[in-house]
Amino acid sequence: MFDLARLEQDSGLPPAIIKQIEQIVKEDFNDDQMLFELHIVRIFQALKEGRLTVNEVLREHETA
């Protein structure tokens, strides 16, 4: 659906961080590829716009 590879490349994040974010989202949306992709897109948009930091994404997962 979405061009996640391009989005991830444009993010400038290290592959290890991208994988962590994907794993977090996959835990919530493992059975629904469209929702998984949509949430990945929204996270990367929020990161790009400065509304969210990588640390916030990872920290929120740890406290959930």
PDB file of N, CA and C in Angstrom:
ATOM      1  N   MET A   1       0.800  -1.193   0.000  1.00  0.00           N
ATOM      2  CA  MET A   1       0.000   0.000   0.000  1.00  0.00           C
ATOM      3  C   MET A   1       0.848   1.264   0.000  1.00  0.00           C
ATOM      4  N   PHE A   2       1.608   1.444   1.075  1.00  0.00           N
ATOM      5  CA  PHE A   2       2.453   2.618   1.206  1.00  0.00           C
ATOM      6  C   PHE A   2       3.890   2.246   0.836  1.00  0.00           C
ATOM      7  N   ASP A   3       4.663   3.224   0.414  1.00  0.00           N
ATOM      8  CA  ASP A   3       6.067   2.990   0.077  1.00  0.00           C
ATOM      9  C   ASP A   3       6.904   3.138   1.345  1.00  0.00           C
ATOM     10  N   LEU A   4       6.868   2.101   2.173  1.00  0.00           N
ATOM     11  CA  LEU A   4       7.564   2.162   3.448  1.00  0.00           C
ATOM     12  C   LEU A   4       9.076   2.233   3.275  1.00  0.00           C
ATOM     13  N   ALA A   5       9.595   1.559   2.269  1.00  0.00           N
ATOM     14  CA  ALA A   5      11.041   1.577   2.045  1.00  0.00           C
ATOM     15  C   ALA A   5      11.519   3.008   1.785  1.00  0.00           C
ATOM     16  N   ARG A   6      10.779   3.730   0.981  1.00  0.00           N
ATOM     17  CA  ARG A   6      11.132   5.120   0.686  1.00  0.00           C
ATOM     18  C   ARG A   6      11.006   5.995   1.935  1.00  0.00           C
ATOM     19  N   LEU A   7       9.944   5.801   2.671  1.00  0.00           N
ATOM     20  CA  LEU A   7       9.708   6.554   3.889  1.00  0.00           C
ATOM     21  C   LEU A   7      10.833   6.322   4.900  1.00  0.00           C
ATOM     22  N   GLU A   8      11.218   5.071   5.054  1.00  0.00           N
ATOM     23  CA  GLU A   8      12.290   4.730   5.982  1.00  0.00           C
ATOM     24  C   GLU A   8      13.621   5.308   5.517  1.00  0.00           C
ATOM     25  N   GLN A   9      13.886   5.238   4.246  1.00  0.00           N
ATOM     26  CA  GLN A   9      15.117   5.794   3.695  1.00  0.00           C
ATOM     27  C   GLN A   9      15.164   7.307   3.908  1.00  0.00           C
ATOM     28  N   ASP A  10      14.064   7.969   3.643  1.00  0.00           N
ATOM     29  CA  ASP A  10      13.992   9.421   3.791  1.00  0.00           C
ATOM     30  C   ASP A  10      14.085   9.866   5.249  1.00  0.00           C
ATOM     31  N   SER A  11      13.775   8.974   6.171  1.00  0.00           N
ATOM     32  CA  SER A  11      13.783   9.330   7.590  1.00  0.00           C
ATOM     33  C   SER A  11      15.196   9.617   8.104  1.00  0.00           C
ATOM     34  N   GLY A  12      16.190   8.968   7.499  1.00  0.00           N
ATOM     35  CA  GLY A  12      17.564   9.151   7.955  1.00  0.00           C
ATOM     36  C   GLY A  12      17.881   8.407   9.244  1.00  0.00           C
ATOM     37  N   LEU A  13      16.937   7.613   9.718  1.00  0.00           N
ATOM     38  CA  LEU A  13      17.166   6.854  10.948  1.00  0.00           C
ATOM     39  C   LEU A  13      18.016   5.619  10.668  1.00  0.00           C
ATOM     40  N   PRO A  14      18.793   5.202  11.651  1.00  0.00           N
ATOM     41  CA  PRO A  14      19.570   3.970  11.485  1.00  0.00           C
ATOM     42  C   PRO A  14      18.638   2.765  11.336  1.00  0.00           C
ATOM     43  N   PRO A  15      19.056   1.780  10.552  1.00  0.00           N
ATOM     44  CA  PRO A  15      18.219   0.583  10.361  1.00  0.00           C
ATOM     45  C   PRO A  15      17.792  -0.093  11.664  1.00  0.00           C
ATOM     46  N   ALA A  16      18.645  -0.084  12.662  1.00  0.00           N
ATOM     47  CA  ALA A  16      18.305  -0.728  13.940  1.00  0.00           C
ATOM     48  C   ALA A  16      17.125  -0.025  14.609  1.00  0.00           C
ATOM     49  N   ILE A  17      17.064   1.286  14.536  1.00  0.00           N
ATOM     50  CA  ILE A  17      15.954   2.044  15.122  1.00  0.00           C
ATOM     51  C   ILE A  17      14.674   1.785  14.331  1.00  0.00           C
ATOM     52  N   ILE A  18      14.798   1.764  13.014  1.00  0.00           N
ATOM     53  CA  ILE A  18      13.636   1.484  12.165  1.00  0.00           C
ATOM     54  C   ILE A  18      13.059   0.112  12.510  1.00  0.00           C
ATOM     55  N   LYS A  19      13.908  -0.867  12.685  1.00  0.00           N
ATOM     56  CA  LYS A  19      13.449  -2.224  13.029  1.00  0.00           C
ATOM     57  C   LYS A  19      12.748  -2.229  14.385  1.00  0.00           C
ATOM     58  N   GLN A  20      13.277  -1.471  15.346  1.00  0.00           N
ATOM     59  CA  GLN A  20      12.631  -1.404  16.655  1.00  0.00           C
ATOM     60  C   GLN A  20      11.224  -0.815  16.541  1.00  0.00           C
ATOM     61  N   ILE A  21      11.099   0.256  15.781  1.00  0.00           N
ATOM     62  CA  ILE A  21       9.794   0.882  15.587  1.00  0.00           C
ATOM     63  C   ILE A  21       8.838  -0.093  14.905  1.00  0.00           C
ATOM     64  N   GLU A  22       9.318  -0.786  13.879  1.00  0.00           N
ATOM     65  CA  GLU A  22       8.480  -1.765  13.182  1.00  0.00           C
ATOM     66  C   GLU A  22       8.026  -2.872  14.125  1.00  0.00           C
ATOM     67  N   GLN A  23       8.915  -3.343  14.976  1.00  0.00           N
ATOM     68  CA  GLN A  23       8.564  -4.410  15.913  1.00  0.00           C
ATOM     69  C   GLN A  23       7.500  -3.952  16.900  1.00  0.00           C
ATOM     70  N   ILE A  24       7.618  -2.710  17.359  1.00  0.00           N
ATOM     71  CA  ILE A  24       6.631  -2.164  18.284  1.00  0.00           C
ATOM     72  C   ILE A  24       5.254  -2.130  17.631  1.00  0.00           C
ATOM     73  N   VAL A  25       5.198  -1.622  16.421  1.00  0.00           N
ATOM     74  CA  VAL A  25       3.912  -1.515  15.724  1.00  0.00           C
ATOM     75  C   VAL A  25       3.385  -2.905  15.366  1.00  0.00           C
ATOM     76  N   LYS A  26       4.273  -3.798  14.985  1.00  0.00           N
ATOM     77  CA  LYS A  26       3.871  -5.158  14.611  1.00  0.00           C
ATOM     78  C   LYS A  26       3.207  -5.888  15.776  1.00  0.00           C
ATOM     79  N   GLU A  27       3.649  -5.599  16.996  1.00  0.00           N
ATOM     80  CA  GLU A  27       3.039  -6.226  18.167  1.00  0.00           C
ATOM     81  C   GLU A  27       1.556  -5.871  18.276  1.00  0.00           C
ATOM     82  N   ASP A  28       1.212  -4.660  17.906  1.00  0.00           N
ATOM     83  CA  ASP A  28      -0.177  -4.212  17.995  1.00  0.00           C
ATOM     84  C   ASP A  28      -1.012  -4.582  16.773  1.00  0.00           C
ATOM     85  N   PHE A  29      -0.382  -4.671  15.616  1.00  0.00           N
ATOM     86  CA  PHE A  29      -1.123  -4.872  14.366  1.00  0.00           C
ATOM     87  C   PHE A  29      -0.555  -6.015  13.538  1.00  0.00           C
ATOM     88  N   ASN A  30      -0.213  -7.098  14.183  1.00  0.00           N
ATOM     89  CA  ASN A  30       0.419  -8.233  13.518  1.00  0.00           C
ATOM     90  C   ASN A  30      -0.471  -8.849  12.442  1.00  0.00           C
ATOM     91  N   ASP A  31      -1.774  -8.841  12.664  1.00  0.00           N
ATOM     92  CA  ASP A  31      -2.685  -9.508  11.742  1.00  0.00           C
ATOM     93  C   ASP A  31      -3.304  -8.581  10.704  1.00  0.00           C
ATOM     94  N   ASP A  32      -2.921  -7.310  10.717  1.00  0.00           N
ATOM     95  CA  ASP A  32      -3.536  -6.349   9.805  1.00  0.00           C
ATOM     96  C   ASP A  32      -2.450  -5.498   9.149  1.00  0.00           C
ATOM     97  N   GLN A  33      -2.030  -5.903   7.963  1.00  0.00           N
ATOM     98  CA  GLN A  33      -0.933  -5.234   7.268  1.00  0.00           C
ATOM     99  C   GLN A  33      -1.248  -3.767   6.968  1.00  0.00           C
ATOM    100  N   MET A  34      -2.497  -3.476   6.623  1.00  0.00           N
ATOM    101  CA  MET A  34      -2.853  -2.099   6.294  1.00  0.00           C
ATOM    102  C   MET A  34      -2.738  -1.187   7.518  1.00  0.00           C
ATOM    103  N   LEU A  35      -3.230  -1.637   8.665  1.00  0.00           N
ATOM    104  CA  LEU A  35      -3.103  -0.829   9.876  1.00  0.00           C
ATOM    105  C   LEU A  35      -1.649  -0.711  10.312  1.00  0.00           C
ATOM    106  N   PHE A  36      -0.885  -1.781  10.140  1.00  0.00           N
ATOM    107  CA  PHE A  36       0.547  -1.730  10.435  1.00  0.00           C
ATOM    108  C   PHE A  36       1.210  -0.631   9.611  1.00  0.00           C
ATOM    109  N   GLU A  37       0.979  -0.648   8.306  1.00  0.00           N
ATOM    110  CA  GLU A  37       1.594   0.343   7.433  1.00  0.00           C
ATOM    111  C   GLU A  37       1.122   1.754   7.758  1.00  0.00           C
ATOM    112  N   LEU A  38      -0.163   1.907   8.007  1.00  0.00           N
ATOM    113  CA  LEU A  38      -0.708   3.220   8.330  1.00  0.00           C
ATOM    114  C   LEU A  38      -0.052   3.796   9.588  1.00  0.00           C
ATOM    115  N   HIS A  39       0.108   2.975  10.608  1.00  0.00           N
ATOM    116  CA  HIS A  39       0.733   3.457  11.836  1.00  0.00           C
ATOM    117  C   HIS A  39       2.218   3.764  11.638  1.00  0.00           C
ATOM    118  N   ILE A  40       2.891   2.981  10.830  1.00  0.00           N
ATOM    119  CA  ILE A  40       4.296   3.293  10.510  1.00  0.00           C
ATOM    120  C   ILE A  40       4.379   4.651   9.816  1.00  0.00           C
ATOM    121  N   VAL A  41       3.514   4.878   8.839  1.00  0.00           N
ATOM    122  CA  VAL A  41       3.503   6.156   8.118  1.00  0.00           C
ATOM    123  C   VAL A  41       3.251   7.299   9.093  1.00  0.00           C
ATOM    124  N   ARG A  42       2.289   7.143   9.968  1.00  0.00           N
ATOM    125  CA  ARG A  42       1.955   8.212  10.913  1.00  0.00           C
ATOM    126  C   ARG A  42       3.102   8.490  11.872  1.00  0.00           C
ATOM    127  N   ILE A  43       3.774   7.458  12.329  1.00  0.00           N
ATOM    128  CA  ILE A  43       4.919   7.656  13.223  1.00  0.00           C
ATOM    129  C   ILE A  43       6.031   8.402  12.500  1.00  0.00           C
ATOM    130  N   PHE A  44       6.347   7.986  11.281  1.00  0.00           N
ATOM    131  CA  PHE A  44       7.433   8.644  10.550  1.00  0.00           C
ATOM    132  C   PHE A  44       7.073  10.085  10.188  1.00  0.00           C
ATOM    133  N   GLN A  45       5.817  10.348   9.905  1.00  0.00           N
ATOM    134  CA  GLN A  45       5.396  11.733   9.652  1.00  0.00           C
ATOM    135  C   GLN A  45       5.556  12.574  10.910  1.00  0.00           C
ATOM    136  N   ALA A  46       5.145  12.034  12.042  1.00  0.00           N
ATOM    137  CA  ALA A  46       5.267  12.758  13.307  1.00  0.00           C
ATOM    138  C   ALA A  46       6.738  13.011  13.654  1.00  0.00           C
ATOM    139  N   LEU A  47       7.588  12.033  13.376  1.00  0.00           N
ATOM    140  CA  LEU A  47       9.021  12.216  13.616  1.00  0.00           C
ATOM    141  C   LEU A  47       9.572  13.323  12.716  1.00  0.00           C
ATOM    142  N   LYS A  48       9.203  13.296  11.460  1.00  0.00           N
ATOM    143  CA  LYS A  48       9.676  14.285  10.495  1.00  0.00           C
ATOM    144  C   LYS A  48       9.221  15.695  10.868  1.00  0.00           C
ATOM    145  N   GLU A  49       7.990  15.809  11.342  1.00  0.00           N
ATOM    146  CA  GLU A  49       7.422  17.110  11.686  1.00  0.00           C
ATOM    147  C   GLU A  49       7.833  17.589  13.078  1.00  0.00           C
ATOM    148  N   GLY A  50       8.541  16.745  13.822  1.00  0.00           N
ATOM    149  CA  GLY A  50       8.996  17.123  15.150  1.00  0.00           C
ATOM    150  C   GLY A  50       7.940  17.006  16.237  1.00  0.00           C
ATOM    151  N   ARG A  51       6.830  16.356  15.932  1.00  0.00           N
ATOM    152  CA  ARG A  51       5.777  16.173  16.923  1.00  0.00           C
ATOM    153  C   ARG A  51       6.059  14.978  17.839  1.00  0.00           C
ATOM    154  N   LEU A  52       7.055  14.199  17.485  1.00  0.00           N
ATOM    155  CA  LEU A  52       7.402  12.983  18.207  1.00  0.00           C
ATOM    156  C   LEU A  52       8.892  12.756  18.048  1.00  0.00           C
ATOM    157  N   THR A  53       9.510  12.204  19.071  1.00  0.00           N
ATOM    158  CA  THR A  53      10.928  11.847  18.975  1.00  0.00           C
ATOM    159  C   THR A  53      11.056  10.325  19.017  1.00  0.00           C
ATOM    160  N   VAL A  54      12.183   9.845  18.552  1.00  0.00           N
ATOM    161  CA  VAL A  54      12.440   8.401  18.589  1.00  0.00           C
ATOM    162  C   VAL A  54      12.386   7.912  20.029  1.00  0.00           C
ATOM    163  N   ASN A  55      12.975   8.681  20.928  1.00  0.00           N
ATOM    164  CA  ASN A  55      12.960   8.282  22.338  1.00  0.00           C
ATOM    165  C   ASN A  55      11.540   8.167  22.874  1.00  0.00           C
ATOM    166  N   GLU A  56      10.646   9.049  22.450  1.00  0.00           N
ATOM    167  CA  GLU A  56       9.250   8.963  22.885  1.00  0.00           C
ATOM    168  C   GLU A  56       8.597   7.694  22.363  1.00  0.00           C
ATOM    169  N   VAL A  57       8.859   7.339  21.128  1.00  0.00           N
ATOM    170  CA  VAL A  57       8.286   6.121  20.553  1.00  0.00           C
ATOM    171  C   VAL A  57       8.758   4.910  21.341  1.00  0.00           C
ATOM    172  N   LEU A  58      10.051   4.832  21.574  1.00  0.00           N
ATOM    173  CA  LEU A  58      10.620   3.669  22.270  1.00  0.00           C
ATOM    174  C   LEU A  58      10.221   3.651  23.743  1.00  0.00           C
ATOM    175  N   ARG A  59      10.223   4.803  24.376  1.00  0.00           N
ATOM    176  CA  ARG A  59       9.880   4.889  25.798  1.00  0.00           C
ATOM    177  C   ARG A  59       8.410   4.531  26.028  1.00  0.00           C
ATOM    178  N   GLU A  60       7.525   5.007  25.151  1.00  0.00           N
ATOM    179  CA  GLU A  60       6.105   4.710  25.309  1.00  0.00           C
ATOM    180  C   GLU A  60       5.873   3.203  25.251  1.00  0.00           C
ATOM    181  N   HIS A  61       6.610   2.540  24.388  1.00  0.00           N
ATOM    182  CA  HIS A  61       6.477   1.088  24.286  1.00  0.00           C
ATOM    183  C   HIS A  61       6.929   0.403  25.570  1.00  0.00           C
ATOM    184  N   GLU A  62       8.005   0.899  26.150  1.00  0.00           N
ATOM    185  CA  GLU A  62       8.534   0.281  27.374  1.00  0.00           C
ATOM    186  C   GLU A  62       7.565   0.397  28.541  1.00  0.00           C
ATOM    187  N   THR A  63       6.796   1.485  28.580  1.00  0.00           N
ATOM    188  CA  THR A  63       5.879   1.692  29.690  1.00  0.00           C
ATOM    189  C   THR A  63       4.510   1.081  29.448  1.00  0.00           C
ATOM    190  N   ALA A  64       4.267   0.618  28.241  1.00  0.00           N
ATOM    191  CA  ALA A  64       2.953   0.036  27.929  1.00  0.00           C
ATOM    192  C   ALA A  64       2.816  -1.364  28.460  1.00  0.00           C
TER     193      ALA A  64
END
